[in-house]
C-alpha atoms as a PDB file:
ATOM      1  CA  MET A   1      97.429 108.671  62.261  1.00  0.00           C
ATOM      2  CA  ARG A   2      96.251 109.470  58.745  1.00  0.00           C
ATOM      3  CA  ASP A   3      98.657 107.218  56.843  1.00  0.00           C
ATOM      4  CA  ARG A   4      98.008 103.737  58.161  1.00  0.00           C
ATOM      5  CA  THR A   5      96.129 101.728  60.742  1.00  0.00           C
ATOM      6  CA  ILE A   6      98.091  99.774  63.341  1.00  0.00           C
ATOM      7  CA  THR A   7      96.643  96.641  64.920  1.00  0.00           C
ATOM      8  CA  THR A   8      98.290  95.070  67.956  1.00  0.00           C
ATOM      9  CA  HIS A   9      98.529  91.511  69.175  1.00  0.00           C
ATOM     10  CA  PRO A  10      95.911  90.519  71.761  1.00  0.00           C
ATOM     11  CA  CYS A  11      96.967  92.131  75.032  1.00  0.00           C
ATOM     12  CA  ARG A  12      95.894  93.020  78.546  1.00  0.00           C
ATOM     13  CA  VAL A  13      97.252  94.711  81.643  1.00  0.00           C
ATOM     14  CA  SER A  14      96.971  93.051  85.031  1.00  0.00           C
ATOM     15  CA  PRO A  15      94.720  94.811  87.555  1.00  0.00           C
ATOM     16  CA  MET A  16      97.629  95.051  89.999  1.00  0.00           C
ATOM     17  CA  HIS A  17      99.793  96.786  87.389  1.00  0.00           C
ATOM     18  CA  TYR A  18      96.984  99.190  86.525  1.00  0.00           C
ATOM     19  CA  PHE A  19      96.285  99.990  90.179  1.00  0.00           C
ATOM     20  CA  GLY A  20     100.016 100.462  90.819  1.00  0.00           C
ATOM     21  CA  ARG A  21     100.132 103.064  88.035  1.00  0.00           C
ATOM     22  CA  LEU A  22      97.009 104.728  89.453  1.00  0.00           C
ATOM     23  CA  LEU A  23      98.466 104.795  92.969  1.00  0.00           C
ATOM     24  CA  ARG A  24     101.789 106.248  91.744  1.00  0.00           C
ATOM     25  CA  THR A  25      99.894 108.941  89.825  1.00  0.00           C
ATOM     26  CA  TRP A  26      97.797 109.790  92.874  1.00  0.00           C
ATOM     27  CA  PHE A  27     100.851 109.930  95.182  1.00  0.00           C
ATOM     28  CA  TYR A  28     102.762 112.065  92.681  1.00  0.00           C
ATOM     29  CA  ARG A  29      99.954 114.617  92.589  1.00  0.00           C
ATOM     30  CA  ASN A  30      99.135 114.561  96.338  1.00  0.00           C
ATOM     31  CA  TRP A  31     102.456 113.903  98.094  1.00  0.00           C
ATOM     32  CA  SER A  32     102.562 117.365  99.633  1.00  0.00           C
ATOM     33  CA  TRP A  33      99.362 116.741 101.614  1.00  0.00           C
ATOM     34  CA  LEU A  34     100.744 113.492 102.979  1.00  0.00           C
ATOM     35  CA  VAL A  35     104.026 115.096 104.000  1.00  0.00           C
ATOM     36  CA  LEU A  36     102.130 117.973 105.621  1.00  0.00           C
ATOM     37  CA  MET A  37     100.073 115.523 107.699  1.00  0.00           C
ATOM     38  CA  VAL A  38     103.166 113.618 108.846  1.00  0.00           C
ATOM     39  CA  VAL A  39     105.065 116.789 109.785  1.00  0.00           C
ATOM     40  CA  LEU A  40     102.033 118.168 111.603  1.00  0.00           C
ATOM     41  CA  LEU A  41     101.590 114.937 113.585  1.00  0.00           C
ATOM     42  CA  VAL A  42     105.278 114.796 114.506  1.00  0.00           C
ATOM     43  CA  VAL A  43     105.217 118.389 115.729  1.00  0.00           C
ATOM     44  CA  LEU A  44     102.008 117.845 117.689  1.00  0.00           C
ATOM     45  CA  SER A  45     103.171 114.551 119.196  1.00  0.00           C
ATOM     46  CA  VAL A  46     106.209 116.321 120.659  1.00  0.00           C
ATOM     47  CA  HIS A  47     103.821 118.488 122.672  1.00  0.00           C
ATOM     48  CA  ASN A  48     101.295 115.746 123.412  1.00  0.00           C
ATOM     49  CA  PRO A  49     102.146 112.044 122.870  1.00  0.00           C
ATOM     50  CA  LEU A  50      98.456 111.232 122.368  1.00  0.00           C
ATOM     51  CA  PHE A  51      98.783 112.526 118.800  1.00  0.00           C
ATOM     52  CA  ILE A  52     100.625 109.288 118.034  1.00  0.00           C
ATOM     53  CA  TYR A  53      97.185 107.641 118.208  1.00  0.00           C
ATOM     54  CA  VAL A  54      95.887 110.110 115.637  1.00  0.00           C
ATOM     55  CA  GLY A  55      98.781 109.111 113.385  1.00  0.00           C
ATOM     56  CA  LEU A  56      97.930 105.433 113.836  1.00  0.00           C
ATOM     57  CA  MET A  57      94.301 106.157 112.966  1.00  0.00           C
ATOM     58  CA  LEU A  58      95.442 107.887 109.788  1.00  0.00           C
ATOM     59  CA  VAL A  59      97.626 104.931 108.844  1.00  0.00           C
ATOM     60  CA  PHE A  60      95.092 102.209 109.598  1.00  0.00           C
ATOM     61  CA  LEU A  61      91.791 103.960 108.823  1.00  0.00           C
ATOM     62  CA  VAL A  62      92.274 106.856 106.428  1.00  0.00           C
ATOM     63  CA  PHE A  63      94.925 105.389 104.132  1.00  0.00           C
ATOM     64  CA  PRO A  64      92.920 102.183 103.398  1.00  0.00           C
ATOM     65  CA  LEU A  65      89.890 104.345 102.627  1.00  0.00           C
ATOM     66  CA  ILE A  66      91.971 106.307 100.133  1.00  0.00           C
ATOM     67  CA  LEU A  67      92.910 103.010  98.457  1.00  0.00           C
ATOM     68  CA  TYR A  68      89.265 101.921  98.327  1.00  0.00           C
ATOM     69  CA  TYR A  69      88.267 105.270  96.888  1.00  0.00           C
ATOM     70  CA  LEU A  70      90.899 105.089  94.164  1.00  0.00           C
ATOM     71  CA  TRP A  71      89.893 101.541  93.246  1.00  0.00           C
ATOM     72  CA  PHE A  72      86.141 102.108  93.085  1.00  0.00           C
ATOM     73  CA  ALA A  73      86.174 105.630  91.649  1.00  0.00           C
ATOM     74  CA  TYR A  74      88.870 105.233  89.010  1.00  0.00           C
ATOM     75  CA  ALA A  75      90.042 101.666  88.475  1.00  0.00           C
ATOM     76  CA  LEU A  76      86.477 100.475  87.814  1.00  0.00           C
ATOM     77  CA  HIS A  77      85.763 103.310  85.385  1.00  0.00           C
ATOM     78  CA  PRO A  78      84.664 101.901  81.979  1.00  0.00           C
ATOM     79  CA  ASP A  79      87.665 103.441  80.213  1.00  0.00           C
ATOM     80  CA  CYS A  80      89.992 101.914  82.788  1.00  0.00           C
ATOM     81  CA  ARG A  81      88.417  98.486  82.482  1.00  0.00           C
ATOM     82  CA  ALA A  82      89.379  98.552  78.811  1.00  0.00           C
ATOM     83  CA  SER A  83      93.035  98.347  79.870  1.00  0.00           C
ATOM     84  CA  ILE A  84      92.483  95.327  82.089  1.00  0.00           C
ATOM     85  CA  LEU A  85      90.269  93.183  79.849  1.00  0.00           C
ATOM     86  CA  PRO A  86      91.840  91.001  77.105  1.00  0.00           C
ATOM     87  CA  LYS A  87      91.582  92.825  73.783  1.00  0.00           C
ATOM     88  CA  GLN A  88      93.091  93.582  70.416  1.00  0.00           C
ATOM     89  CA  VAL A  89      93.766  97.268  69.825  1.00  0.00           C
ATOM     90  CA  THR A  90      93.523  99.122  66.524  1.00  0.00           C
ATOM     91  CA  LEU A  91      95.044 102.582  66.342  1.00  0.00           C
ATOM     92  CA  SER A  92      93.396 104.564  63.559  1.00  0.00           C
ATOM     93  CA  ASP A  93      92.254 108.048  62.551  1.00  0.00           C
ATOM     94  CA  HIS A  94      89.189 107.730  64.770  1.00  0.00           C
ATOM     95  CA  GLY A  95      91.090 106.803  67.913  1.00  0.00           C
ATOM     96  CA  ILE A  96      91.920 103.725  69.933  1.00  0.00           C
ATOM     97  CA  VAL A  97      89.517 100.927  69.004  1.00  0.00           C
ATOM     98  CA  CYS A  98      89.477  97.995  71.438  1.00  0.00           C
ATOM     99  CA  THR A  99      87.983  94.730  70.216  1.00  0.00           C
ATOM    100  CA  PHE A 100      87.355  92.451  73.175  1.00  0.00           C
ATOM    101  CA  ASP A 101      87.159  88.653  73.256  1.00  0.00           C
ATOM    102  CA  ASP A 102      83.348  88.738  73.069  1.00  0.00           C
ATOM    103  CA  GLU A 103      83.556  90.771  69.795  1.00  0.00           C
ATOM    104  CA  ARG A 104      82.384  93.926  71.595  1.00  0.00           C
ATOM    105  CA  THR A 105      84.215  97.111  70.581  1.00  0.00           C
ATOM    106  CA  GLU A 106      84.880 100.377  72.373  1.00  0.00           C
ATOM    107  CA  THR A 107      86.464 103.454  70.838  1.00  0.00           C
ATOM    108  CA  ILE A 108      88.456 106.092  72.693  1.00  0.00           C
ATOM    109  CA  ALA A 109      88.513 109.153  70.441  1.00  0.00           C
ATOM    110  CA  TRP A 110      91.803 111.014  70.032  1.00  0.00           C
ATOM    111  CA  ASN A 111      90.239 114.275  71.209  1.00  0.00           C
ATOM    112  CA  ARG A 112      89.624 112.668  74.632  1.00  0.00           C
ATOM    113  CA  VAL A 113      93.352 111.986  75.115  1.00  0.00           C
ATOM    114  CA  THR A 114      94.779 114.799  77.240  1.00  0.00           C
ATOM    115  CA  ASP A 115      98.340 113.509  77.648  1.00  0.00           C
ATOM    116  CA  VAL A 116     100.523 110.570  76.638  1.00  0.00           C
ATOM    117  CA  LEU A 117     103.267 109.029  78.767  1.00  0.00           C
ATOM    118  CA  TYR A 118     105.867 106.753  77.179  1.00  0.00           C
ATOM    119  CA  THR A 119     107.838 104.199  79.152  1.00  0.00           C
ATOM    120  CA  PRO A 120     109.950 101.337  77.791  1.00  0.00           C
ATOM    121  CA  ARG A 121     107.200  98.901  78.786  1.00  0.00           C
ATOM    122  CA  GLU A 122     103.995 100.776  77.983  1.00  0.00           C
ATOM    123  CA  ILE A 123     102.218 103.782  76.538  1.00  0.00           C
ATOM    124  CA  VAL A 124      99.768 105.493  78.891  1.00  0.00           C
ATOM    125  CA  PHE A 125      96.980 107.589  77.376  1.00  0.00           C
ATOM    126  CA  TYR A 126      95.566 109.973  79.993  1.00  0.00           C
ATOM    127  CA  LEU A 127      91.871 110.702  79.455  1.00  0.00           C
ATOM    128  CA  SER A 128      91.538 112.819  82.589  1.00  0.00           C
ATOM    129  CA  LYS A 129      93.458 113.386  85.799  1.00  0.00           C
ATOM    130  CA  TYR A 130      93.240 109.771  87.040  1.00  0.00           C
ATOM    131  CA  VAL A 131      91.546 107.953  84.156  1.00  0.00           C
ATOM    132  CA  PHE A 132      93.938 106.456  81.633  1.00  0.00           C
ATOM    133  CA  PHE A 133      94.347 103.653  79.114  1.00  0.00           C
ATOM    134  CA  ILE A 134      97.513 101.527  79.166  1.00  0.00           C
ATOM    135  CA  LEU A 135      98.848  99.889  76.010  1.00  0.00           C
ATOM    136  CA  PRO A 136     101.830  97.545  76.498  1.00  0.00           C
ATOM    137  CA  CYS A 137     104.681  98.183  74.055  1.00  0.00           C
ATOM    138  CA  ASP A 138     105.225  94.452  73.500  1.00  0.00           C
ATOM    139  CA  SER A 139     101.717  94.173  72.018  1.00  0.00           C
ATOM    140  CA  PHE A 140     102.796  95.896  68.787  1.00  0.00           C
ATOM    141  CA  GLU A 141     103.510  93.534  65.907  1.00  0.00           C
ATOM    142  CA  SER A 142     106.886  95.110  65.226  1.00  0.00           C
ATOM    143  CA  THR A 143     109.149  97.824  66.539  1.00  0.00           C
ATOM    144  CA  ASP A 144     108.517  99.700  63.282  1.00  0.00           C
ATOM    145  CA  ASP A 145     104.808  99.913  64.158  1.00  0.00           C
ATOM    146  CA  LEU A 146     105.668 101.172  67.630  1.00  0.00           C
ATOM    147  CA  GLU A 147     108.094 103.824  66.333  1.00  0.00           C
ATOM    148  CA  TYR A 148     105.659 104.904  63.615  1.00  0.00           C
ATOM    149  CA  PHE A 149     102.852 105.239  66.147  1.00  0.00           C
ATOM    150  CA  ILE A 150     104.975 107.234  68.623  1.00  0.00           C
ATOM    151  CA  LYS A 151     106.099 109.577  65.840  1.00  0.00           C
ATOM    152  CA  LYS A 152     102.532 110.138  64.637  1.00  0.00           C
ATOM    153  CA  ILE A 153     101.080 110.681  68.118  1.00  0.00           C
ATOM    154  CA  ASN A 154     103.878 113.152  68.958  1.00  0.00           C
ATOM    155  CA  THR A 155     103.095 115.271  65.925  1.00  0.00           C
ATOM    156  CA  SER A 156      99.352 115.225  66.632  1.00  0.00           C
ATOM    157  CA  ILE A 157      99.826 116.190  70.291  1.00  0.00           C
ATOM    158  CA  ARG A 158     102.096 119.106  69.329  1.00  0.00           C
ATOM    159  CA  ARG A 159      99.274 120.436  67.152  1.00  0.00           C
ATOM    160  CA  LYS A 160      96.811 120.558  70.089  1.00  0.00           C
END
């Protein structure tokens, strides 16, 4: 990012989109525990049908609590709120600088970015296991800016 600074159009990510990404990330990393619980309940319910009630309790009590936990622990994290609020993003040597509608700024330093995920619709900057910043690809002023940024971030991540 040493050659030029890239500024995006004003952008935001909907809370539902952000939470969907968070939920997919959580399921991807914890699917084995969920499958283990289902298999265990199926095996136990063969021996005693009352374990079907335990399965229903998991579905209607435990799973909603997992959703609440994900929302309050991660989606309301200050770094995550930066994705949801309307902002203009500047990508520079210092990091990702978000300028919000109320002229407040927040900077996410490049050394805090642990991983970057590219999709055709967005770039996801992981700051920790479940904390990330989403930048929509259509917020860039041109495709040249997007390609330049992806090339620069790839070279800087390879150096880490």
